[in-house]
Amino acid sequence: MKATVRIVVDQAPGQMPMVTVVAFPSQGGDLVPLTEPCASSELLEAQLEELHETLKELLLEARAKFAAQVHREPAALVPERPEELWELLESKPDLEEMMGIFNSLEEHRRRQLADYILAHVNVFKGAGALFAQHYDEDRGLLA
């Protein structure tokens, strides 16, 4: 990791401590706050949970970018379980990215994922509707 993550405690006399989670770059520089100053563990926990969710979304986005660039090994870069794979596809901002990732999967994984989506996802709105609209069942591809 290129930065160290620490907590900073700021406490004025007679006041509750304020805790902030910060990143300190390994090569020096300014502290980067990752949370707002928090006066309770509950507030800090909520902010850290939000940060955790953001990091998970970034990981899914990065996997998609790698999968779109790698034509021979997409299975190694995307989740195995259909639910997680759908989460990855659903997070894509446009249809082209979704198609690129889906169509780069091996046929059995595409069909397994399509079965999952058509059986468990609302195909009348959002990414599920896009998928259902463009899925070619005969070829097992998004077109």
Protein backbone atom coordinates (compact mmCIF):
# COMPACT_ATOMS: atom_id res chain seq x y z
CA MET A 1 0.00 0.00 0.00
CA LYS A 2 1.29 3.43 -0.89
CA ALA A 3 -0.21 5.10 2.20
CA THR A 4 -0.60 4.33 5.87
CA VAL A 5 -4.09 4.62 7.34
CA ARG A 6 -4.32 5.99 10.88
CA ILE A 7 -6.73 7.74 13.19
CA VAL A 8 -6.21 11.30 14.34
CA VAL A 9 -7.75 12.35 17.64
CA ASP A 10 -8.47 16.03 18.18
CA GLN A 11 -9.65 16.94 21.67
CA ALA A 12 -10.11 20.40 23.04
CA PRO A 13 -10.06 20.76 26.83
CA GLY A 14 -13.43 19.82 28.29
CA GLN A 15 -14.76 18.53 24.96
CA MET A 16 -15.42 15.09 23.52
CA PRO A 17 -12.63 13.76 21.32
CA MET A 18 -13.13 14.02 17.56
CA VAL A 19 -11.72 11.06 15.62
CA THR A 20 -10.86 11.22 11.93
CA VAL A 21 -9.46 8.40 9.79
CA VAL A 22 -6.67 9.69 7.56
CA ALA A 23 -4.27 8.34 4.96
CA PHE A 24 -0.65 9.38 5.25
CA PRO A 25 1.30 9.05 1.98
CA SER A 26 4.38 6.86 2.38
CA GLN A 27 6.55 9.44 0.60
CA GLY A 28 5.39 12.30 2.77
CA GLY A 29 2.91 15.01 2.03
CA ASP A 30 -0.38 16.11 3.50
CA LEU A 31 -2.70 13.84 5.45
CA VAL A 32 -5.76 12.89 3.43
CA PRO A 33 -8.93 12.62 5.52
CA LEU A 34 -10.95 9.53 4.69
CA THR A 35 -13.77 10.38 7.12
CA GLU A 36 -15.25 13.49 8.64
CA PRO A 37 -14.33 14.17 12.29
CA CYS A 38 -16.58 11.95 14.43
CA ALA A 39 -17.66 12.46 18.05
CA SER A 40 -18.85 8.87 18.53
CA SER A 41 -17.91 5.36 17.51
CA GLU A 42 -21.31 4.97 15.84
CA LEU A 43 -20.69 7.94 13.55
CA LEU A 44 -17.21 6.69 12.73
CA GLU A 45 -18.52 3.20 12.05
CA ALA A 46 -21.16 4.55 9.65
CA GLN A 47 -18.56 6.56 7.74
CA LEU A 48 -16.18 3.61 7.57
CA GLU A 49 -18.99 1.39 6.27
CA GLU A 50 -19.68 3.97 3.55
CA LEU A 51 -15.97 4.04 2.71
CA HIS A 52 -15.92 0.23 2.60
CA GLU A 53 -18.85 0.17 0.16
CA THR A 54 -17.11 2.75 -2.02
CA LEU A 55 -13.94 0.66 -2.07
CA LYS A 56 -15.92 -2.45 -3.03
CA GLU A 57 -17.50 -0.53 -5.92
CA LEU A 58 -14.07 0.65 -7.05
CA LEU A 59 -12.81 -2.94 -6.98
CA LEU A 60 -15.71 -4.06 -9.17
CA GLU A 61 -15.02 -1.20 -11.55
CA ALA A 62 -11.32 -2.09 -11.72
CA ARG A 63 -12.16 -5.74 -12.41
CA ALA A 64 -14.39 -4.64 -15.26
CA LYS A 65 -11.64 -2.47 -16.73
CA PHE A 66 -9.19 -5.37 -16.59
CA ALA A 67 -11.73 -7.78 -18.03
CA ALA A 68 -12.49 -5.42 -20.91
CA GLN A 69 -8.77 -5.26 -21.78
CA VAL A 70 -7.89 -8.92 -21.32
CA HIS A 71 -9.41 -11.13 -23.99
CA ARG A 72 -7.90 -14.48 -22.99
CA GLU A 73 -8.33 -14.51 -19.22
CA PRO A 74 -11.50 -12.67 -18.21
CA ALA A 75 -12.60 -15.52 -15.92
CA ALA A 76 -9.60 -14.93 -13.67
CA LEU A 77 -10.51 -11.25 -13.27
CA VAL A 78 -14.23 -11.39 -12.65
CA PRO A 79 -16.17 -13.01 -9.80
CA GLU A 80 -17.14 -16.68 -10.02
CA ARG A 81 -20.62 -16.54 -8.49
CA PRO A 82 -23.42 -15.28 -10.78
CA GLU A 83 -24.70 -12.87 -8.09
CA GLU A 84 -21.30 -11.18 -7.83
CA LEU A 85 -20.82 -11.18 -11.57
CA TRP A 86 -24.21 -9.54 -12.03
CA GLU A 87 -23.24 -6.93 -9.42
CA LEU A 88 -20.17 -6.17 -11.52
CA LEU A 89 -22.16 -5.86 -14.76
CA GLU A 90 -24.91 -3.84 -13.12
CA SER A 91 -22.35 -1.31 -11.88
CA LYS A 92 -21.26 -0.41 -15.43
CA PRO A 93 -22.29 3.07 -16.54
CA ASP A 94 -22.99 2.09 -20.14
CA LEU A 95 -24.19 -0.85 -22.20
CA GLU A 96 -20.89 -1.21 -24.14
CA GLU A 97 -18.92 -1.97 -20.98
CA MET A 98 -21.55 -4.45 -19.83
CA MET A 99 -21.52 -6.13 -23.25
CA GLY A 100 -17.73 -6.25 -23.40
CA ILE A 101 -17.43 -8.01 -20.07
CA PHE A 102 -20.35 -10.36 -20.63
CA ASN A 103 -19.35 -11.34 -24.18
CA SER A 104 -15.75 -11.97 -23.12
CA LEU A 105 -16.84 -14.71 -20.71
CA GLU A 106 -16.77 -18.37 -21.67
CA GLU A 107 -20.08 -19.56 -23.10
CA HIS A 108 -21.06 -21.71 -20.11
CA ARG A 109 -20.50 -18.74 -17.75
CA ARG A 110 -22.51 -16.43 -20.02
CA ARG A 111 -25.43 -18.87 -20.06
CA GLN A 112 -25.19 -19.47 -16.30
CA LEU A 113 -25.22 -15.72 -15.68
CA ALA A 114 -28.09 -15.15 -18.12
CA ASP A 115 -30.14 -17.83 -16.34
CA TYR A 116 -29.46 -16.12 -13.03
CA ILE A 117 -30.38 -12.66 -14.34
CA LEU A 118 -33.57 -13.78 -16.09
CA ALA A 119 -34.70 -15.75 -13.03
CA HIS A 120 -33.67 -13.42 -10.17
CA VAL A 121 -33.32 -9.85 -11.44
CA ASN A 122 -36.05 -7.35 -12.27
CA VAL A 123 -35.85 -7.24 -16.08
CA PHE A 124 -38.38 -4.43 -16.37
CA LYS A 125 -36.13 -1.60 -15.20
CA GLY A 126 -32.51 -0.55 -14.91
CA ALA A 127 -29.61 -2.76 -15.93
CA GLY A 128 -31.81 -5.86 -15.87
CA ALA A 129 -34.02 -4.37 -18.56
CA LEU A 130 -30.97 -3.50 -20.69
CA PHE A 131 -29.68 -7.02 -20.33
CA ALA A 132 -33.02 -8.63 -21.22
CA GLN A 133 -33.40 -6.33 -24.24
CA HIS A 134 -30.01 -7.18 -25.72
CA TYR A 135 -29.57 -10.83 -24.73
CA ASP A 136 -29.51 -13.20 -27.72
CA GLU A 137 -30.44 -16.56 -26.22
CA ASP A 138 -29.50 -18.56 -29.33
CA ARG A 139 -25.92 -17.29 -29.34
CA GLY A 140 -25.67 -16.65 -25.60
CA LEU A 141 -24.36 -13.12 -26.23
CA LEU A 142 -25.37 -9.54 -25.67
CA ALA A 143 -25.94 -7.90 -29.02
